[in-house]
Amino acid sequence: MGDGLKEAQARAEARFQKQQKAAQEGAKANAEREAQAQAVEARTSRLRSLRLAKEAADKETTAKNEETKAKTKSATAKKKRAT
């Protein structure tokens, strides 16, 4: 009977070690996924801010171009009226 008890203890210990290893691997995998998610979020945030800055600069450039066109049109119209 002593052998049966030792075998049961050995099986239980092996099962416990297997569960511990699986838990450690699971924790490591979760940490890796979390790190990847944070990296994606950081890149997305950086790209979003770059896009918004570019859009703002484009709007400003468009507004300046429209203003310049309006001034040129106005000056041309004044010259035509003056002659």
PDB file of N, CA and C in Angstrom:
ATOM      1  N   MET A   1       0.798  -1.187   0.000  1.00  0.00           N
ATOM      2  CA  MET A   1       0.000   0.000   0.000  1.00  0.00           C
ATOM      3  C   MET A   1       0.844   1.256   0.000  1.00  0.00           C
ATOM      4  N   GLY A   2       2.004   1.150   0.550  1.00  0.00           N
ATOM      5  CA  GLY A   2       2.898   2.297   0.581  1.00  0.00           C
ATOM      6  C   GLY A   2       3.284   2.746  -0.811  1.00  0.00           C
ATOM      7  N   ASP A   3       3.415   1.733  -1.714  1.00  0.00           N
ATOM      8  CA  ASP A   3       3.778   2.084  -3.089  1.00  0.00           C
ATOM      9  C   ASP A   3       2.645   2.834  -3.777  1.00  0.00           C
ATOM     10  N   GLY A   4       1.436   2.439  -3.538  1.00  0.00           N
ATOM     11  CA  GLY A   4       0.273   3.106  -4.136  1.00  0.00           C
ATOM     12  C   GLY A   4       0.165   4.552  -3.668  1.00  0.00           C
ATOM     13  N   LEU A   5       0.469   4.778  -2.410  1.00  0.00           N
ATOM     14  CA  LEU A   5       0.421   6.134  -1.867  1.00  0.00           C
ATOM     15  C   LEU A   5       1.510   7.003  -2.492  1.00  0.00           C
ATOM     16  N   LYS A   6       2.689   6.430  -2.638  1.00  0.00           N
ATOM     17  CA  LYS A   6       3.796   7.173  -3.245  1.00  0.00           C
ATOM     18  C   LYS A   6       3.496   7.492  -4.711  1.00  0.00           C
ATOM     19  N   GLU A   7       2.906   6.550  -5.416  1.00  0.00           N
ATOM     20  CA  GLU A   7       2.537   6.781  -6.821  1.00  0.00           C
ATOM     21  C   GLU A   7       1.480   7.876  -6.931  1.00  0.00           C
ATOM     22  N   ALA A   8       0.520   7.845  -6.039  1.00  0.00           N
ATOM     23  CA  ALA A   8      -0.528   8.867  -6.043  1.00  0.00           C
ATOM     24  C   ALA A   8       0.064  10.238  -5.752  1.00  0.00           C
ATOM     25  N   GLN A   9       0.999  10.285  -4.801  1.00  0.00           N
ATOM     26  CA  GLN A   9       1.664  11.547  -4.486  1.00  0.00           C
ATOM     27  C   GLN A   9       2.488  12.038  -5.683  1.00  0.00           C
ATOM     28  N   ALA A  10       3.154  11.117  -6.348  1.00  0.00           N
ATOM     29  CA  ALA A  10       3.970  11.477  -7.513  1.00  0.00           C
ATOM     30  C   ALA A  10       3.078  12.006  -8.632  1.00  0.00           C
ATOM     31  N   ARG A  11       1.941  11.344  -8.861  1.00  0.00           N
ATOM     32  CA  ARG A  11       1.004  11.814  -9.897  1.00  0.00           C
ATOM     33  C   ARG A  11       0.452  13.200  -9.540  1.00  0.00           C
ATOM     34  N   ALA A  12       0.115  13.355  -8.261  1.00  0.00           N
ATOM     35  CA  ALA A  12      -0.417  14.649  -7.808  1.00  0.00           C
ATOM     36  C   ALA A  12       0.638  15.740  -7.969  1.00  0.00           C
ATOM     37  N   GLU A  13       1.868  15.427  -7.616  1.00  0.00           N
ATOM     38  CA  GLU A  13       2.960  16.404  -7.769  1.00  0.00           C
ATOM     39  C   GLU A  13       3.185  16.736  -9.243  1.00  0.00           C
ATOM     40  N   ALA A  14       3.161  15.717 -10.096  1.00  0.00           N
ATOM     41  CA  ALA A  14       3.342  15.951 -11.537  1.00  0.00           C
ATOM     42  C   ALA A  14       2.204  16.817 -12.069  1.00  0.00           C
ATOM     43  N   ARG A  15       0.968  16.550 -11.650  1.00  0.00           N
ATOM     44  CA  ARG A  15      -0.186  17.333 -12.078  1.00  0.00           C
ATOM     45  C   ARG A  15      -0.043  18.792 -11.603  1.00  0.00           C
ATOM     46  N   PHE A  16       0.391  18.939 -10.347  1.00  0.00           N
ATOM     47  CA  PHE A  16       0.582  20.276  -9.796  1.00  0.00           C
ATOM     48  C   PHE A  16       1.646  21.040 -10.579  1.00  0.00           C
ATOM     49  N   GLN A  17       2.763  20.387 -10.863  1.00  0.00           N
ATOM     50  CA  GLN A  17       3.838  21.034 -11.627  1.00  0.00           C
ATOM     51  C   GLN A  17       3.354  21.435 -13.022  1.00  0.00           C
ATOM     52  N   LYS A  18       2.554  20.562 -13.627  1.00  0.00           N
ATOM     53  CA  LYS A  18       2.019  20.854 -14.956  1.00  0.00           C
ATOM     54  C   LYS A  18       1.097  22.076 -14.895  1.00  0.00           C
ATOM     55  N   GLN A  19       0.260  22.132 -13.858  1.00  0.00           N
ATOM     56  CA  GLN A  19      -0.639  23.281 -13.703  1.00  0.00           C
ATOM     57  C   GLN A  19       0.141  24.563 -13.449  1.00  0.00           C
ATOM     58  N   GLN A  20       1.189  24.477 -12.649  1.00  0.00           N
ATOM     59  CA  GLN A  20       2.019  25.649 -12.359  1.00  0.00           C
ATOM     60  C   GLN A  20       2.677  26.163 -13.641  1.00  0.00           C
ATOM     61  N   LYS A  21       3.205  25.233 -14.441  1.00  0.00           N
ATOM     62  CA  LYS A  21       3.872  25.615 -15.691  1.00  0.00           C
ATOM     63  C   LYS A  21       2.863  26.260 -16.639  1.00  0.00           C
ATOM     64  N   ALA A  22       1.665  25.691 -16.733  1.00  0.00           N
ATOM     65  CA  ALA A  22       0.630  26.253 -17.603  1.00  0.00           C
ATOM     66  C   ALA A  22       0.231  27.647 -17.125  1.00  0.00           C
ATOM     67  N   ALA A  23       0.138  27.838 -15.825  1.00  0.00           N
ATOM     68  CA  ALA A  23      -0.223  29.149 -15.274  1.00  0.00           C
ATOM     69  C   ALA A  23       0.857  30.175 -15.589  1.00  0.00           C
ATOM     70  N   GLN A  24       2.112  29.785 -15.469  1.00  0.00           N
ATOM     71  CA  GLN A  24       3.222  30.697 -15.772  1.00  0.00           C
ATOM     72  C   GLN A  24       3.234  31.058 -17.257  1.00  0.00           C
ATOM     73  N   GLU A  25       3.040  30.063 -18.100  1.00  0.00           N
ATOM     74  CA  GLU A  25       3.009  30.326 -19.540  1.00  0.00           C
ATOM     75  C   GLU A  25       1.828  31.207 -19.916  1.00  0.00           C
ATOM     76  N   GLY A  26       0.696  30.969 -19.267  1.00  0.00           N
ATOM     77  CA  GLY A  26      -0.483  31.803 -19.518  1.00  0.00           C
ATOM     78  C   GLY A  26      -0.244  33.246 -19.106  1.00  0.00           C
ATOM     79  N   ALA A  27       0.385  33.434 -17.957  1.00  0.00           N
ATOM     80  CA  ALA A  27       0.690  34.788 -17.492  1.00  0.00           C
ATOM     81  C   ALA A  27       1.665  35.476 -18.451  1.00  0.00           C
ATOM     82  N   LYS A  28       2.632  34.722 -18.920  1.00  0.00           N
ATOM     83  CA  LYS A  28       3.610  35.281 -19.867  1.00  0.00           C
ATOM     84  C   LYS A  28       2.918  35.665 -21.175  1.00  0.00           C
ATOM     85  N   ALA A  29       2.032  34.819 -21.662  1.00  0.00           N
ATOM     86  CA  ALA A  29       1.301  35.112 -22.901  1.00  0.00           C
ATOM     87  C   ALA A  29       0.415  36.345 -22.723  1.00  0.00           C
ATOM     88  N   ASN A  30      -0.248  36.450 -21.562  1.00  0.00           N
ATOM     89  CA  ASN A  30      -1.081  37.629 -21.297  1.00  0.00           C
ATOM     90  C   ASN A  30      -0.246  38.896 -21.264  1.00  0.00           C
ATOM     91  N   ALA A  31       0.927  38.824 -20.660  1.00  0.00           N
ATOM     92  CA  ALA A  31       1.814  39.991 -20.592  1.00  0.00           C
ATOM     93  C   ALA A  31       2.263  40.400 -21.995  1.00  0.00           C
ATOM     94  N   GLU A  32       2.577  39.420 -22.830  1.00  0.00           N
ATOM     95  CA  GLU A  32       2.991  39.710 -24.203  1.00  0.00           C
ATOM     96  C   GLU A  32       1.856  40.358 -24.993  1.00  0.00           C
ATOM     97  N   ARG A  33       0.640  39.832 -24.838  1.00  0.00           N
ATOM     98  CA  ARG A  33      -0.517  40.420 -25.524  1.00  0.00           C
ATOM     99  C   ARG A  33      -0.759  41.851 -25.061  1.00  0.00           C
ATOM    100  N   GLU A  34      -0.638  42.066 -23.778  1.00  0.00           N
ATOM    101  CA  GLU A  34      -0.839  43.407 -23.223  1.00  0.00           C
ATOM    102  C   GLU A  34       0.213  44.378 -23.763  1.00  0.00           C
ATOM    103  N   ALA A  35       1.454  43.920 -23.832  1.00  0.00           N
ATOM    104  CA  ALA A  35       2.525  44.762 -24.361  1.00  0.00           C
ATOM    105  C   ALA A  35       2.268  45.104 -25.829  1.00  0.00           C
ATOM    106  N   GLN A  36       1.821  44.113 -26.592  1.00  0.00           N
ATOM    107  CA  GLN A  36       1.516  44.359 -28.000  1.00  0.00           C
ATOM    108  C   GLN A  36       0.351  45.330 -28.139  1.00  0.00           C
ATOM    109  N   ALA A  37      -0.657  45.174 -27.315  1.00  0.00           N
ATOM    110  CA  ALA A  37      -1.814  46.073 -27.370  1.00  0.00           C
ATOM    111  C   ALA A  37      -1.398  47.503 -27.027  1.00  0.00           C
ATOM    112  N   GLN A  38      -0.540  47.657 -26.048  1.00  0.00           N
ATOM    113  CA  GLN A  38      -0.069  48.993 -25.683  1.00  0.00           C
ATOM    114  C   GLN A  38       0.753  49.605 -26.806  1.00  0.00           C
ATOM    115  N   ALA A  39       1.564  48.780 -27.473  1.00  0.00           N
ATOM    116  CA  ALA A  39       2.367  49.281 -28.584  1.00  0.00           C
ATOM    117  C   ALA A  39       1.468  49.736 -29.731  1.00  0.00           C
ATOM    118  N   VAL A  40       0.443  48.960 -30.026  1.00  0.00           N
ATOM    119  CA  VAL A  40      -0.496  49.326 -31.090  1.00  0.00           C
ATOM    120  C   VAL A  40      -1.215  50.621 -30.721  1.00  0.00           C
ATOM    121  N   GLU A  41      -1.623  50.728 -29.469  1.00  0.00           N
ATOM    122  CA  GLU A  41      -2.323  51.939 -29.019  1.00  0.00           C
ATOM    123  C   GLU A  41      -1.413  53.162 -29.117  1.00  0.00           C
ATOM    124  N   ALA A  42      -0.153  53.004 -28.765  1.00  0.00           N
ATOM    125  CA  ALA A  42       0.797  54.118 -28.848  1.00  0.00           C
ATOM    126  C   ALA A  42       1.007  54.545 -30.303  1.00  0.00           C
ATOM    127  N   ARG A  43       1.168  53.570 -31.192  1.00  0.00           N
ATOM    128  CA  ARG A  43       1.352  53.903 -32.614  1.00  0.00           C
ATOM    129  C   ARG A  43       0.108  54.568 -33.173  1.00  0.00           C
ATOM    130  N   THR A  44      -1.053  54.041 -32.818  1.00  0.00           N
ATOM    131  CA  THR A  44      -2.306  54.609 -33.303  1.00  0.00           C
ATOM    132  C   THR A  44      -2.465  56.045 -32.827  1.00  0.00           C
ATOM    133  N   SER A  45      -2.147  56.284 -31.585  1.00  0.00           N
ATOM    134  CA  SER A  45      -2.253  57.629 -31.024  1.00  0.00           C
ATOM    135  C   SER A  45      -1.294  58.582 -31.727  1.00  0.00           C
ATOM    136  N   ARG A  46      -0.073  58.134 -31.959  1.00  0.00           N
ATOM    137  CA  ARG A  46       0.919  58.970 -32.636  1.00  0.00           C
ATOM    138  C   ARG A  46       0.474  59.289 -34.058  1.00  0.00           C
ATOM    139  N   LEU A  47       0.005  58.276 -34.767  1.00  0.00           N
ATOM    140  CA  LEU A  47      -0.441  58.486 -36.144  1.00  0.00           C
ATOM    141  C   LEU A  47      -1.665  59.399 -36.199  1.00  0.00           C
ATOM    142  N   ARG A  48      -2.570  59.256 -35.232  1.00  0.00           N
ATOM    143  CA  ARG A  48      -3.757  60.101 -35.185  1.00  0.00           C
ATOM    144  C   ARG A  48      -3.357  61.562 -34.988  1.00  0.00           C
ATOM    145  N   SER A  49      -2.416  61.803 -34.086  1.00  0.00           N
ATOM    146  CA  SER A  49      -1.997  63.185 -33.842  1.00  0.00           C
ATOM    147  C   SER A  49      -1.289  63.755 -35.070  1.00  0.00           C
ATOM    148  N   LEU A  50      -0.505  62.943 -35.748  1.00  0.00           N
ATOM    149  CA  LEU A  50       0.143  63.407 -36.980  1.00  0.00           C
ATOM    150  C   LEU A  50      -0.895  63.732 -38.055  1.00  0.00           C
ATOM    151  N   ARG A  51      -1.912  62.871 -38.176  1.00  0.00           N
ATOM    152  CA  ARG A  51      -2.963  63.100 -39.169  1.00  0.00           C
ATOM    153  C   ARG A  51      -3.733  64.375 -38.865  1.00  0.00           C
ATOM    154  N   LEU A  52      -4.077  64.568 -37.612  1.00  0.00           N
ATOM    155  CA  LEU A  52      -4.819  65.767 -37.238  1.00  0.00           C
ATOM    156  C   LEU A  52      -3.992  67.027 -37.465  1.00  0.00           C
ATOM    157  N   ALA A  53      -2.705  66.964 -37.173  1.00  0.00           N
ATOM    158  CA  ALA A  53      -1.831  68.117 -37.418  1.00  0.00           C
ATOM    159  C   ALA A  53      -1.750  68.417 -38.912  1.00  0.00           C
ATOM    160  N   LYS A  54      -1.655  67.376 -39.727  1.00  0.00           N
ATOM    161  CA  LYS A  54      -1.589  67.575 -41.171  1.00  0.00           C
ATOM    162  C   LYS A  54      -2.893  68.163 -41.699  1.00  0.00           C
ATOM    163  N   GLU A  55      -4.018  67.646 -41.206  1.00  0.00           N
ATOM    164  CA  GLU A  55      -5.308  68.177 -41.638  1.00  0.00           C
ATOM    165  C   GLU A  55      -5.448  69.640 -41.260  1.00  0.00           C
ATOM    166  N   ALA A  56      -4.997  70.016 -40.076  1.00  0.00           N
ATOM    167  CA  ALA A  56      -5.067  71.412 -39.643  1.00  0.00           C
ATOM    168  C   ALA A  56      -4.186  72.284 -40.533  1.00  0.00           C
ATOM    169  N   ALA A  57      -2.991  71.796 -40.841  1.00  0.00           N
ATOM    170  CA  ALA A  57      -2.088  72.557 -41.710  1.00  0.00           C
ATOM    171  C   ALA A  57      -2.683  72.688 -43.113  1.00  0.00           C
ATOM    172  N   ASP A  58      -3.303  71.636 -43.614  1.00  0.00           N
ATOM    173  CA  ASP A  58      -3.929  71.689 -44.933  1.00  0.00           C
ATOM    174  C   ASP A  58      -5.080  72.687 -44.957  1.00  0.00           C
ATOM    175  N   LYS A  59      -5.886  72.714 -43.883  1.00  0.00           N
ATOM    176  CA  LYS A  59      -6.991  73.671 -43.822  1.00  0.00           C
ATOM    177  C   LYS A  59      -6.464  75.098 -43.815  1.00  0.00           C
ATOM    178  N   GLU A  60      -5.391  75.311 -43.061  1.00  0.00           N
ATOM    179  CA  GLU A  60      -4.800  76.647 -42.992  1.00  0.00           C
ATOM    180  C   GLU A  60      -4.268  77.067 -44.353  1.00  0.00           C
ATOM    181  N   THR A  61      -3.599  76.159 -45.036  1.00  0.00           N
ATOM    182  CA  THR A  61      -3.065  76.457 -46.363  1.00  0.00           C
ATOM    183  C   THR A  61      -4.197  76.749 -47.335  1.00  0.00           C
ATOM    184  N   THR A  62      -5.247  75.965 -47.283  1.00  0.00           N
ATOM    185  CA  THR A  62      -6.398  76.184 -48.164  1.00  0.00           C
ATOM    186  C   THR A  62      -7.034  77.541 -47.886  1.00  0.00           C
ATOM    187  N   ALA A  63      -7.172  77.875 -46.627  1.00  0.00           N
ATOM    188  CA  ALA A  63      -7.767  79.169 -46.274  1.00  0.00           C
ATOM    189  C   ALA A  63      -6.900  80.312 -46.781  1.00  0.00           C
ATOM    190  N   LYS A  64      -5.600  80.201 -46.641  1.00  0.00           N
ATOM    191  CA  LYS A  64      -4.698  81.248 -47.138  1.00  0.00           C
ATOM    192  C   LYS A  64      -4.787  81.357 -48.650  1.00  0.00           C
ATOM    193  N   ASN A  65      -4.856  80.217 -49.335  1.00  0.00           N
ATOM    194  CA  ASN A  65      -4.959  80.235 -50.796  1.00  0.00           C
ATOM    195  C   ASN A  65      -6.263  80.892 -51.240  1.00  0.00           C
ATOM    196  N   GLU A  66      -7.344  80.569 -50.552  1.00  0.00           N
ATOM    197  CA  GLU A  66      -8.639  81.175 -50.880  1.00  0.00           C
ATOM    198  C   GLU A  66      -8.599  82.678 -50.634  1.00  0.00           C
ATOM    199  N   GLU A  67      -7.968  83.079 -49.554  1.00  0.00           N
ATOM    200  CA  GLU A  67      -7.855  84.501 -49.225  1.00  0.00           C
ATOM    201  C   GLU A  67      -7.035  85.219 -50.292  1.00  0.00           C
ATOM    202  N   THR A  68      -5.957  84.607 -50.713  1.00  0.00           N
ATOM    203  CA  THR A  68      -5.110  85.203 -51.746  1.00  0.00           C
ATOM    204  C   THR A  68      -5.872  85.311 -53.058  1.00  0.00           C
ATOM    205  N   LYS A  69      -6.635  84.282 -53.411  1.00  0.00           N
ATOM    206  CA  LYS A  69      -7.432  84.324 -54.637  1.00  0.00           C
ATOM    207  C   LYS A  69      -8.449  85.456 -54.573  1.00  0.00           C
ATOM    208  N   ALA A  70      -9.098  85.591 -53.432  1.00  0.00           N
ATOM    209  CA  ALA A  70     -10.117  86.633 -53.273  1.00  0.00           C
ATOM    210  C   ALA A  70      -9.481  88.012 -53.400  1.00  0.00           C
ATOM    211  N   LYS A  71      -8.323  88.223 -52.814  1.00  0.00           N
ATOM    212  CA  LYS A  71      -7.637  89.512 -52.904  1.00  0.00           C
ATOM    213  C   LYS A  71      -7.222  89.798 -54.346  1.00  0.00           C
ATOM    214  N   THR A  72      -6.722  88.774 -55.013  1.00  0.00           N
ATOM    215  CA  THR A  72      -6.292  88.953 -56.404  1.00  0.00           C
ATOM    216  C   THR A  72      -7.485  89.280 -57.291  1.00  0.00           C
ATOM    217  N   LYS A  73      -8.581  88.580 -57.080  1.00  0.00           N
ATOM    218  CA  LYS A  73      -9.795  88.826 -57.852  1.00  0.00           C
ATOM    219  C   LYS A  73     -10.294  90.249 -57.615  1.00  0.00           C
ATOM    220  N   SER A  74     -10.271  90.655 -56.364  1.00  0.00           N
ATOM    221  CA  SER A  74     -10.742  91.982 -55.991  1.00  0.00           C
ATOM    222  C   SER A  74      -9.858  93.056 -56.613  1.00  0.00           C
ATOM    223  N   ALA A  75      -8.557  92.860 -56.566  1.00  0.00           N
ATOM    224  CA  ALA A  75      -7.623  93.835 -57.138  1.00  0.00           C
ATOM    225  C   ALA A  75      -7.790  93.903 -58.651  1.00  0.00           C
ATOM    226  N   THR A  76      -8.009  92.778 -59.291  1.00  0.00           N
ATOM    227  CA  THR A  76      -8.199  92.752 -60.743  1.00  0.00           C
ATOM    228  C   THR A  76      -9.490  93.470 -61.113  1.00  0.00           C
ATOM    229  N   ALA A  77     -10.525  93.253 -60.350  1.00  0.00           N
ATOM    230  CA  ALA A  77     -11.812  93.902 -60.607  1.00  0.00           C
ATOM    231  C   ALA A  77     -11.687  95.414 -60.421  1.00  0.00           C
ATOM    232  N   LYS A  78     -10.951  95.873 -59.423  1.00  0.00           N
ATOM    233  CA  LYS A  78     -10.768  97.294 -59.191  1.00  0.00           C
ATOM    234  C   LYS A  78     -10.003  97.942 -60.357  1.00  0.00           C
ATOM    235  N   LYS A  79      -8.986  97.248 -60.866  1.00  0.00           N
ATOM    236  CA  LYS A  79      -8.209  97.777 -61.995  1.00  0.00           C
ATOM    237  C   LYS A  79      -9.089  97.925 -63.225  1.00  0.00           C
ATOM    238  N   LYS A  80      -9.935  96.930 -63.454  1.00  0.00           N
ATOM    239  CA  LYS A  80     -10.805  96.982 -64.633  1.00  0.00           C
ATOM    240  C   LYS A  80     -11.783  98.138 -64.524  1.00  0.00           C
ATOM    241  N   ARG A  81     -12.308  98.389 -63.315  1.00  0.00           N
ATOM    242  CA  ARG A  81     -13.242  99.497 -63.111  1.00  0.00           C
ATOM    243  C   ARG A  81     -12.536 100.841 -63.249  1.00  0.00           C
ATOM    244  N   ALA A  82     -11.275 100.902 -62.845  1.00  0.00           N
ATOM    245  CA  ALA A  82     -10.532 102.145 -62.876  1.00  0.00           C
ATOM    246  C   ALA A  82     -10.183 102.557 -64.314  1.00  0.00           C
ATOM    247  N   THR A  83     -10.051 101.654 -65.209  1.00  0.00           N
ATOM    248  CA  THR A  83      -9.680 101.999 -66.583  1.00  0.00           C
ATOM    249  C   THR A  83     -10.828 102.247 -67.488  1.00  0.00           C
TER     250      THR A  83
END
